[in-house]
N, C-alpha and C. Protein backbone atom coordinates (compact mmCIF):
# COMPACT_ATOMS: atom_id res chain seq x y z
N MET A 1 3.27 24.88 17.16
CA MET A 1 2.59 23.61 17.08
C MET A 1 2.94 22.95 15.75
N LYS A 2 3.23 21.67 15.81
CA LYS A 2 3.63 20.92 14.65
C LYS A 2 2.39 20.39 13.92
N ALA A 3 2.35 20.60 12.61
CA ALA A 3 1.22 20.09 11.83
C ALA A 3 1.33 18.57 11.70
N THR A 4 0.21 17.92 11.84
CA THR A 4 0.23 16.47 11.70
C THR A 4 0.13 16.09 10.24
N GLN A 5 0.82 15.03 9.88
CA GLN A 5 0.77 14.53 8.52
C GLN A 5 -0.46 13.65 8.35
N PRO A 6 -1.12 13.77 7.21
CA PRO A 6 -2.27 12.89 6.98
C PRO A 6 -1.82 11.44 6.89
N ILE A 7 -2.65 10.57 7.36
CA ILE A 7 -2.34 9.14 7.30
C ILE A 7 -2.61 8.68 5.87
N LYS A 8 -1.63 8.02 5.31
CA LYS A 8 -1.77 7.52 3.94
C LYS A 8 -2.34 6.10 4.00
N VAL A 9 -3.48 5.94 3.38
CA VAL A 9 -4.16 4.66 3.35
C VAL A 9 -4.30 4.24 1.90
N SER A 10 -4.13 2.96 1.66
CA SER A 10 -4.25 2.45 0.30
C SER A 10 -5.52 1.61 0.16
N LEU A 11 -5.96 1.45 -1.07
CA LEU A 11 -7.12 0.62 -1.34
C LEU A 11 -6.86 -0.81 -0.89
N GLY A 12 -5.68 -1.32 -1.17
CA GLY A 12 -5.34 -2.68 -0.77
C GLY A 12 -5.44 -2.88 0.74
N GLU A 13 -4.97 -1.89 1.47
CA GLU A 13 -5.02 -1.95 2.93
C GLU A 13 -6.47 -1.94 3.42
N ILE A 14 -7.29 -1.09 2.85
CA ILE A 14 -8.70 -1.02 3.24
C ILE A 14 -9.41 -2.32 2.90
N LEU A 15 -9.18 -2.82 1.70
CA LEU A 15 -9.81 -4.06 1.27
C LEU A 15 -9.45 -5.21 2.22
N LYS A 16 -8.18 -5.28 2.57
CA LYS A 16 -7.73 -6.36 3.46
C LYS A 16 -8.25 -6.17 4.88
N GLU A 17 -8.02 -4.99 5.46
CA GLU A 17 -8.32 -4.77 6.88
C GLU A 17 -9.80 -4.58 7.19
N GLU A 18 -10.56 -4.07 6.25
CA GLU A 18 -11.97 -3.78 6.52
C GLU A 18 -12.94 -4.83 5.95
N PHE A 19 -12.47 -5.63 5.01
CA PHE A 19 -13.37 -6.58 4.36
C PHE A 19 -12.88 -8.02 4.46
N ILE A 20 -11.68 -8.30 3.99
CA ILE A 20 -11.20 -9.68 3.90
C ILE A 20 -10.89 -10.27 5.28
N THR A 21 -10.08 -9.59 6.07
CA THR A 21 -9.68 -10.11 7.38
C THR A 21 -10.86 -10.27 8.34
N PRO A 22 -11.72 -9.27 8.51
CA PRO A 22 -12.84 -9.44 9.45
C PRO A 22 -13.79 -10.58 9.08
N LEU A 23 -13.90 -10.86 7.79
CA LEU A 23 -14.79 -11.94 7.35
C LEU A 23 -14.06 -13.28 7.27
N ASP A 24 -12.76 -13.26 7.57
CA ASP A 24 -11.94 -14.48 7.59
C ASP A 24 -12.02 -15.22 6.24
N ILE A 25 -11.84 -14.44 5.17
CA ILE A 25 -11.89 -14.98 3.81
C ILE A 25 -10.46 -15.11 3.29
N THR A 26 -10.18 -16.19 2.59
CA THR A 26 -8.88 -16.31 1.94
C THR A 26 -8.97 -15.69 0.55
N ILE A 27 -7.81 -15.37 0.00
CA ILE A 27 -7.77 -14.83 -1.36
C ILE A 27 -8.30 -15.87 -2.35
N ASP A 28 -7.98 -17.13 -2.10
CA ASP A 28 -8.48 -18.20 -2.97
C ASP A 28 -10.01 -18.24 -2.96
N GLN A 29 -10.60 -18.14 -1.78
CA GLN A 29 -12.05 -18.17 -1.66
C GLN A 29 -12.68 -16.95 -2.35
N LEU A 30 -12.09 -15.78 -2.12
CA LEU A 30 -12.60 -14.56 -2.75
C LEU A 30 -12.52 -14.66 -4.27
N SER A 31 -11.43 -15.22 -4.75
CA SER A 31 -11.25 -15.42 -6.19
C SER A 31 -12.32 -16.34 -6.76
N ARG A 32 -12.56 -17.44 -6.10
CA ARG A 32 -13.59 -18.39 -6.57
C ARG A 32 -14.98 -17.76 -6.53
N ASP A 33 -15.28 -17.08 -5.43
CA ASP A 33 -16.62 -16.52 -5.25
C ASP A 33 -16.93 -15.34 -6.18
N THR A 34 -15.91 -14.59 -6.56
CA THR A 34 -16.12 -13.40 -7.38
C THR A 34 -15.71 -13.56 -8.83
N ASN A 35 -15.03 -14.67 -9.12
CA ASN A 35 -14.50 -14.89 -10.47
C ASN A 35 -13.49 -13.81 -10.86
N ILE A 36 -12.72 -13.36 -9.88
CA ILE A 36 -11.59 -12.44 -10.10
C ILE A 36 -10.33 -13.25 -9.88
N SER A 37 -9.39 -13.17 -10.80
CA SER A 37 -8.19 -13.99 -10.68
C SER A 37 -7.41 -13.65 -9.41
N ILE A 38 -6.73 -14.66 -8.91
CA ILE A 38 -5.89 -14.48 -7.71
C ILE A 38 -4.82 -13.43 -7.99
N SER A 39 -4.25 -13.45 -9.18
CA SER A 39 -3.18 -12.49 -9.49
C SER A 39 -3.69 -11.05 -9.45
N ILE A 40 -4.91 -10.83 -9.92
CA ILE A 40 -5.48 -9.48 -9.86
C ILE A 40 -5.75 -9.08 -8.42
N LEU A 41 -6.33 -9.99 -7.64
CA LEU A 41 -6.59 -9.68 -6.23
C LEU A 41 -5.30 -9.38 -5.48
N GLU A 42 -4.27 -10.18 -5.70
CA GLU A 42 -2.99 -9.94 -5.03
C GLU A 42 -2.39 -8.60 -5.46
N ALA A 43 -2.50 -8.27 -6.74
CA ALA A 43 -1.99 -6.99 -7.22
C ALA A 43 -2.73 -5.83 -6.56
N LEU A 44 -4.04 -5.95 -6.41
CA LEU A 44 -4.82 -4.91 -5.73
C LEU A 44 -4.41 -4.79 -4.26
N LEU A 45 -4.27 -5.92 -3.59
CA LEU A 45 -3.91 -5.90 -2.18
C LEU A 45 -2.51 -5.36 -1.94
N ASN A 46 -1.63 -5.54 -2.92
CA ASN A 46 -0.25 -5.05 -2.81
C ASN A 46 -0.05 -3.70 -3.49
N ASN A 47 -1.16 -3.07 -3.85
CA ASN A 47 -1.14 -1.74 -4.48
C ASN A 47 -0.30 -1.70 -5.75
N GLN A 48 -0.38 -2.78 -6.50
CA GLN A 48 0.34 -2.87 -7.77
C GLN A 48 -0.62 -2.78 -8.96
N ALA A 49 -1.90 -2.58 -8.66
CA ALA A 49 -2.91 -2.43 -9.71
C ALA A 49 -3.97 -1.46 -9.22
N LYS A 50 -4.65 -0.85 -10.14
CA LYS A 50 -5.74 0.07 -9.84
C LYS A 50 -7.07 -0.66 -10.02
N MET A 51 -8.03 -0.25 -9.24
CA MET A 51 -9.37 -0.80 -9.33
C MET A 51 -10.02 -0.36 -10.63
N ASP A 52 -10.68 -1.27 -11.32
CA ASP A 52 -11.47 -0.87 -12.47
C ASP A 52 -12.95 -1.12 -12.17
N LYS A 53 -13.81 -0.67 -13.06
CA LYS A 53 -15.25 -0.73 -12.79
C LYS A 53 -15.77 -2.16 -12.72
N GLU A 54 -15.24 -3.04 -13.55
CA GLU A 54 -15.70 -4.43 -13.56
C GLU A 54 -15.35 -5.14 -12.24
N ILE A 55 -14.13 -4.99 -11.80
CA ILE A 55 -13.71 -5.62 -10.55
C ILE A 55 -14.44 -4.99 -9.38
N SER A 56 -14.59 -3.68 -9.41
CA SER A 56 -15.33 -2.98 -8.36
C SER A 56 -16.75 -3.53 -8.24
N SER A 57 -17.38 -3.74 -9.37
CA SER A 57 -18.74 -4.25 -9.37
C SER A 57 -18.81 -5.64 -8.74
N LYS A 58 -17.87 -6.50 -9.08
CA LYS A 58 -17.84 -7.86 -8.52
C LYS A 58 -17.58 -7.84 -7.01
N LEU A 59 -16.61 -7.03 -6.59
CA LEU A 59 -16.30 -6.95 -5.15
C LEU A 59 -17.45 -6.30 -4.38
N SER A 60 -18.03 -5.27 -4.97
CA SER A 60 -19.14 -4.58 -4.31
C SER A 60 -20.32 -5.50 -4.11
N GLU A 61 -20.63 -6.29 -5.12
CA GLU A 61 -21.73 -7.25 -4.99
C GLU A 61 -21.41 -8.28 -3.91
N TYR A 62 -20.21 -8.77 -3.90
CA TYR A 62 -19.80 -9.79 -2.92
C TYR A 62 -19.88 -9.26 -1.49
N PHE A 63 -19.42 -8.04 -1.28
CA PHE A 63 -19.38 -7.47 0.07
C PHE A 63 -20.63 -6.66 0.42
N GLY A 64 -21.60 -6.60 -0.49
CA GLY A 64 -22.86 -5.91 -0.21
C GLY A 64 -22.75 -4.40 -0.20
N MET A 65 -21.90 -3.88 -1.06
CA MET A 65 -21.71 -2.44 -1.15
C MET A 65 -22.34 -1.93 -2.45
N SER A 66 -22.44 -0.60 -2.59
CA SER A 66 -22.97 -0.04 -3.83
C SER A 66 -22.04 -0.40 -4.99
N ASP A 67 -22.60 -0.42 -6.18
CA ASP A 67 -21.94 -0.97 -7.36
C ASP A 67 -20.51 -0.50 -7.59
N LEU A 68 -20.26 0.77 -7.48
CA LEU A 68 -18.92 1.30 -7.76
C LEU A 68 -18.18 1.75 -6.49
N PHE A 69 -18.53 1.17 -5.38
CA PHE A 69 -17.93 1.57 -4.11
C PHE A 69 -16.40 1.54 -4.16
N PHE A 70 -15.83 0.43 -4.58
CA PHE A 70 -14.37 0.29 -4.57
C PHE A 70 -13.71 1.15 -5.65
N TYR A 71 -14.37 1.30 -6.78
CA TYR A 71 -13.85 2.18 -7.83
C TYR A 71 -13.80 3.63 -7.34
N ASN A 72 -14.89 4.06 -6.72
CA ASN A 72 -14.93 5.43 -6.20
C ASN A 72 -13.95 5.63 -5.05
N LEU A 73 -13.77 4.60 -4.25
CA LEU A 73 -12.80 4.67 -3.16
C LEU A 73 -11.38 4.83 -3.73
N GLN A 74 -11.07 4.07 -4.77
CA GLN A 74 -9.77 4.20 -5.44
C GLN A 74 -9.58 5.61 -5.97
N ASP A 75 -10.62 6.14 -6.59
CA ASP A 75 -10.56 7.50 -7.14
C ASP A 75 -10.34 8.53 -6.04
N ASP A 76 -11.04 8.35 -4.93
CA ASP A 76 -10.89 9.27 -3.79
C ASP A 76 -9.48 9.21 -3.22
N ILE A 77 -8.94 8.03 -3.06
CA ILE A 77 -7.57 7.87 -2.54
C ILE A 77 -6.58 8.51 -3.49
N ASP A 78 -6.74 8.24 -4.79
CA ASP A 78 -5.83 8.81 -5.79
C ASP A 78 -5.86 10.33 -5.78
N SER A 79 -7.04 10.92 -5.62
CA SER A 79 -7.13 12.38 -5.63
C SER A 79 -6.47 12.99 -4.39
N LYS A 80 -6.52 12.30 -3.27
CA LYS A 80 -5.88 12.81 -2.06
C LYS A 80 -4.36 12.66 -2.12
N VAL A 81 -3.87 11.65 -2.79
CA VAL A 81 -2.44 11.43 -2.93
C VAL A 81 -1.83 12.54 -3.78
N GLN A 82 -2.58 13.07 -4.75
CA GLN A 82 -2.08 14.12 -5.63
C GLN A 82 -1.99 15.48 -4.96
N LEU A 83 -2.66 15.65 -3.83
CA LEU A 83 -2.65 16.95 -3.15
C LEU A 83 -1.31 17.32 -2.61
């Protein structure tokens, strides 16, 4: 029997597919509403930046999640990638 490979998921993919797309929000709107620059949001969505506590707090408040939800999610993803 062949072992299955774990599916690799990124924070940017989760943010886009589970939060931004279902709510039909543009990056511009998210930037205005959260006071997070468009360049930072794009970097997060393209996995070119890591989540920090300040941005996590802003996104978590906007999406109604616990304060460090996105920061902890980033940490969890990073720990699984190292395995």
